[in-house]
Amino acid sequence: MKKGIHPENYRPVVFRDMSNGDMFLTKSTAKTTETVEFEGETYPVVKVEISSTSHPFYTGKSKLVDTAGRVDRFMSRYAGLKK
């Protein structure tokens, strides 16, 4: 591997899926101030709304995760246009 091409803050980081609580460890440069205990070690944690463990495409389930109320706003806006 070439020296000096990776950023200085490239380190192991835990990504936590907030919709189902699953966590996975990978390397990243994402900035975070929070930490979490994962497999006996303490790592920085990045919280994500959806990951491959909760996304309907990967799970095969048609579960809708709506944390910001976007679907409700869409349905109320276009409710009168149903044919």
N, C-alpha and C. Protein backbone atom coordinates (compact mmCIF):
# COMPACT_ATOMS: atom_id res chain seq x y z
N MET A 1 0.84 -1.17 0.00
CA MET A 1 0.00 0.00 0.00
C MET A 1 0.90 1.24 0.00
N LYS A 2 0.50 2.24 -0.79
CA LYS A 2 1.29 3.46 -0.87
C LYS A 2 1.19 4.26 0.43
N LYS A 3 2.28 4.86 0.81
CA LYS A 3 2.33 5.69 2.01
C LYS A 3 1.75 7.07 1.71
N GLY A 4 1.03 7.63 2.68
CA GLY A 4 0.56 9.01 2.58
C GLY A 4 -0.68 9.24 1.75
N ILE A 5 -1.38 8.18 1.29
CA ILE A 5 -2.57 8.41 0.49
C ILE A 5 -3.86 8.32 1.31
N HIS A 6 -3.80 7.73 2.50
CA HIS A 6 -4.98 7.63 3.35
C HIS A 6 -5.04 8.81 4.31
N PRO A 7 -6.24 9.27 4.65
CA PRO A 7 -6.38 10.35 5.63
C PRO A 7 -5.85 9.93 6.99
N GLU A 8 -5.49 10.90 7.78
CA GLU A 8 -4.93 10.63 9.12
C GLU A 8 -5.95 10.00 10.06
N ASN A 9 -7.24 10.33 9.90
CA ASN A 9 -8.26 9.85 10.83
C ASN A 9 -8.97 8.59 10.32
N TYR A 10 -8.36 7.81 9.46
CA TYR A 10 -8.92 6.55 8.95
C TYR A 10 -8.74 5.50 10.05
N ARG A 11 -9.86 5.10 10.68
CA ARG A 11 -9.79 4.25 11.87
C ARG A 11 -11.01 3.34 11.93
N PRO A 12 -10.99 2.31 12.79
CA PRO A 12 -12.18 1.45 12.97
C PRO A 12 -13.31 2.25 13.61
N VAL A 13 -14.51 2.13 13.05
CA VAL A 13 -15.70 2.84 13.54
C VAL A 13 -16.87 1.86 13.53
N VAL A 14 -17.73 1.94 14.54
CA VAL A 14 -18.94 1.13 14.60
C VAL A 14 -20.09 1.96 14.04
N PHE A 15 -20.83 1.38 13.08
CA PHE A 15 -22.03 2.01 12.56
C PHE A 15 -23.23 1.33 13.21
N ARG A 16 -24.14 2.12 13.78
CA ARG A 16 -25.30 1.57 14.48
C ARG A 16 -26.57 1.96 13.75
N ASP A 17 -27.35 0.95 13.37
CA ASP A 17 -28.64 1.16 12.70
C ASP A 17 -29.66 1.51 13.78
N MET A 18 -30.21 2.73 13.72
CA MET A 18 -31.12 3.19 14.76
C MET A 18 -32.51 2.56 14.64
N SER A 19 -32.86 1.99 13.50
CA SER A 19 -34.19 1.41 13.36
C SER A 19 -34.30 0.03 14.00
N ASN A 20 -33.20 -0.72 14.07
CA ASN A 20 -33.28 -2.05 14.68
C ASN A 20 -32.15 -2.34 15.67
N GLY A 21 -31.21 -1.43 15.84
CA GLY A 21 -30.17 -1.59 16.85
C GLY A 21 -28.96 -2.41 16.42
N ASP A 22 -28.93 -2.92 15.20
CA ASP A 22 -27.78 -3.69 14.74
C ASP A 22 -26.56 -2.81 14.61
N MET A 23 -25.38 -3.40 14.85
CA MET A 23 -24.13 -2.67 14.75
C MET A 23 -23.14 -3.47 13.91
N PHE A 24 -22.28 -2.76 13.17
CA PHE A 24 -21.21 -3.42 12.43
C PHE A 24 -19.97 -2.55 12.46
N LEU A 25 -18.83 -3.19 12.42
CA LEU A 25 -17.53 -2.53 12.53
C LEU A 25 -16.87 -2.46 11.16
N THR A 26 -16.39 -1.29 10.82
CA THR A 26 -15.65 -1.08 9.58
C THR A 26 -14.71 0.11 9.78
N LYS A 27 -13.89 0.38 8.80
CA LYS A 27 -13.01 1.54 8.89
C LYS A 27 -13.65 2.72 8.18
N SER A 28 -13.47 3.91 8.75
CA SER A 28 -14.09 5.10 8.20
C SER A 28 -13.35 6.35 8.67
N THR A 29 -13.64 7.46 7.99
CA THR A 29 -13.13 8.76 8.41
C THR A 29 -14.26 9.63 8.94
N ALA A 30 -15.44 9.06 9.17
CA ALA A 30 -16.60 9.81 9.66
C ALA A 30 -16.29 10.43 11.02
N LYS A 31 -16.68 11.69 11.18
CA LYS A 31 -16.43 12.39 12.44
C LYS A 31 -17.55 12.08 13.42
N THR A 32 -17.17 11.77 14.66
CA THR A 32 -18.13 11.49 15.71
C THR A 32 -17.48 11.74 17.06
N THR A 33 -18.31 12.07 18.04
CA THR A 33 -17.80 12.29 19.40
C THR A 33 -18.27 11.20 20.36
N GLU A 34 -19.22 10.37 19.94
CA GLU A 34 -19.76 9.32 20.79
C GLU A 34 -18.96 8.03 20.64
N THR A 35 -18.99 7.22 21.69
CA THR A 35 -18.32 5.92 21.65
C THR A 35 -19.30 4.84 22.09
N VAL A 36 -18.97 3.59 21.76
CA VAL A 36 -19.80 2.45 22.14
C VAL A 36 -18.90 1.26 22.40
N GLU A 37 -19.36 0.37 23.29
CA GLU A 37 -18.67 -0.88 23.57
C GLU A 37 -19.13 -1.91 22.55
N PHE A 38 -18.20 -2.48 21.78
CA PHE A 38 -18.53 -3.46 20.75
C PHE A 38 -17.50 -4.57 20.78
N GLU A 39 -17.95 -5.80 21.05
CA GLU A 39 -17.10 -6.99 21.12
C GLU A 39 -15.91 -6.78 22.06
N GLY A 40 -16.17 -6.18 23.21
CA GLY A 40 -15.16 -6.02 24.24
C GLY A 40 -14.23 -4.83 24.06
N GLU A 41 -14.39 -4.06 23.02
CA GLU A 41 -13.55 -2.89 22.76
C GLU A 41 -14.43 -1.65 22.69
N THR A 42 -13.85 -0.48 22.88
CA THR A 42 -14.55 0.78 22.76
C THR A 42 -14.17 1.44 21.45
N TYR A 43 -15.19 1.76 20.65
CA TYR A 43 -14.98 2.37 19.33
C TYR A 43 -15.85 3.62 19.20
N PRO A 44 -15.46 4.54 18.31
CA PRO A 44 -16.37 5.64 17.97
C PRO A 44 -17.59 5.07 17.25
N VAL A 45 -18.76 5.68 17.46
CA VAL A 45 -19.99 5.17 16.85
C VAL A 45 -20.62 6.25 15.97
N VAL A 46 -21.12 5.82 14.80
CA VAL A 46 -21.86 6.68 13.88
C VAL A 46 -23.26 6.09 13.79
N LYS A 47 -24.27 6.91 14.04
CA LYS A 47 -25.66 6.45 14.00
C LYS A 47 -26.23 6.69 12.61
N VAL A 48 -26.83 5.63 12.04
CA VAL A 48 -27.46 5.73 10.72
C VAL A 48 -28.93 5.34 10.86
N GLU A 49 -29.78 5.93 10.01
CA GLU A 49 -31.21 5.64 10.09
C GLU A 49 -31.56 4.28 9.50
N ILE A 50 -30.83 3.86 8.48
CA ILE A 50 -31.16 2.61 7.81
C ILE A 50 -29.88 1.99 7.27
N SER A 51 -29.80 0.67 7.31
CA SER A 51 -28.63 -0.05 6.79
C SER A 51 -29.12 -1.29 6.05
N SER A 52 -28.21 -2.13 5.64
CA SER A 52 -28.59 -3.33 4.90
C SER A 52 -29.37 -4.32 5.77
N THR A 53 -29.28 -4.20 7.09
CA THR A 53 -30.03 -5.12 7.95
C THR A 53 -31.47 -4.69 8.15
N SER A 54 -31.82 -3.46 7.74
CA SER A 54 -33.21 -3.01 7.91
C SER A 54 -33.84 -2.51 6.61
N HIS A 55 -33.07 -2.40 5.54
CA HIS A 55 -33.62 -1.90 4.28
C HIS A 55 -34.45 -2.99 3.61
N PRO A 56 -35.66 -2.65 3.14
CA PRO A 56 -36.54 -3.66 2.53
C PRO A 56 -35.93 -4.39 1.34
N PHE A 57 -35.06 -3.75 0.58
CA PHE A 57 -34.43 -4.41 -0.57
C PHE A 57 -33.59 -5.60 -0.13
N TYR A 58 -32.85 -5.46 0.96
CA TYR A 58 -31.97 -6.52 1.43
C TYR A 58 -32.69 -7.54 2.30
N THR A 59 -33.72 -7.12 3.03
CA THR A 59 -34.41 -8.03 3.94
C THR A 59 -35.52 -8.81 3.26
N GLY A 60 -36.05 -8.30 2.14
CA GLY A 60 -37.14 -8.96 1.47
C GLY A 60 -38.49 -8.67 2.10
N LYS A 61 -38.53 -7.82 3.10
CA LYS A 61 -39.77 -7.45 3.77
C LYS A 61 -40.15 -6.05 3.32
N SER A 62 -41.44 -5.79 3.25
CA SER A 62 -41.88 -4.46 2.85
C SER A 62 -42.17 -3.60 4.07
N LYS A 63 -41.27 -3.59 5.01
CA LYS A 63 -41.40 -2.78 6.22
C LYS A 63 -40.96 -1.36 5.89
N LEU A 64 -41.79 -0.40 6.24
CA LEU A 64 -41.50 0.99 5.96
C LEU A 64 -40.97 1.66 7.21
N VAL A 65 -39.78 2.24 7.12
CA VAL A 65 -39.18 2.96 8.22
C VAL A 65 -39.29 4.44 7.89
N ASP A 66 -40.06 5.17 8.68
CA ASP A 66 -40.26 6.59 8.43
C ASP A 66 -40.01 7.36 9.72
N THR A 67 -38.81 7.91 9.85
CA THR A 67 -38.46 8.60 11.08
C THR A 67 -38.77 10.08 11.03
N ALA A 68 -38.99 10.62 9.85
CA ALA A 68 -39.20 12.07 9.74
C ALA A 68 -40.64 12.42 9.36
N GLY A 69 -41.54 11.46 9.22
CA GLY A 69 -42.92 11.74 8.87
C GLY A 69 -43.12 12.12 7.42
N ARG A 70 -42.17 11.79 6.57
CA ARG A 70 -42.25 12.17 5.16
C ARG A 70 -43.41 11.47 4.45
N VAL A 71 -43.64 10.21 4.78
CA VAL A 71 -44.71 9.47 4.11
C VAL A 71 -46.07 10.05 4.50
N ASP A 72 -46.24 10.38 5.76
CA ASP A 72 -47.51 10.96 6.20
C ASP A 72 -47.78 12.30 5.52
N ARG A 73 -46.76 13.13 5.39
CA ARG A 73 -46.93 14.41 4.70
C ARG A 73 -47.28 14.20 3.24
N PHE A 74 -46.65 13.23 2.59
CA PHE A 74 -46.95 12.93 1.20
C PHE A 74 -48.38 12.44 1.05
N MET A 75 -48.80 11.52 1.92
CA MET A 75 -50.16 10.98 1.83
C MET A 75 -51.21 12.05 2.08
N SER A 76 -50.97 12.94 3.03
CA SER A 76 -51.96 13.99 3.29
C SER A 76 -52.00 15.00 2.15
N ARG A 77 -50.88 15.26 1.53
CA ARG A 77 -50.83 16.23 0.44
C ARG A 77 -51.54 15.71 -0.81
N TYR A 78 -51.37 14.44 -1.11
CA TYR A 78 -51.90 13.88 -2.34
C TYR A 78 -53.07 12.92 -2.12
N ALA A 79 -53.74 12.99 -0.98
CA ALA A 79 -54.85 12.09 -0.67
C ALA A 79 -56.04 12.32 -1.60
N GLY A 80 -56.27 13.54 -2.03
CA GLY A 80 -57.40 13.84 -2.89
C GLY A 80 -57.22 13.46 -4.34
N LEU A 81 -56.04 13.03 -4.72
CA LEU A 81 -55.75 12.71 -6.12
C LEU A 81 -55.96 11.23 -6.45
N LYS A 82 -56.42 10.44 -5.50
CA LYS A 82 -56.62 9.00 -5.77
C LYS A 82 -57.69 8.81 -6.82
N LYS A 83 -57.47 7.86 -7.71
CA LYS A 83 -58.43 7.58 -8.79
C LYS A 83 -59.33 6.43 -8.43
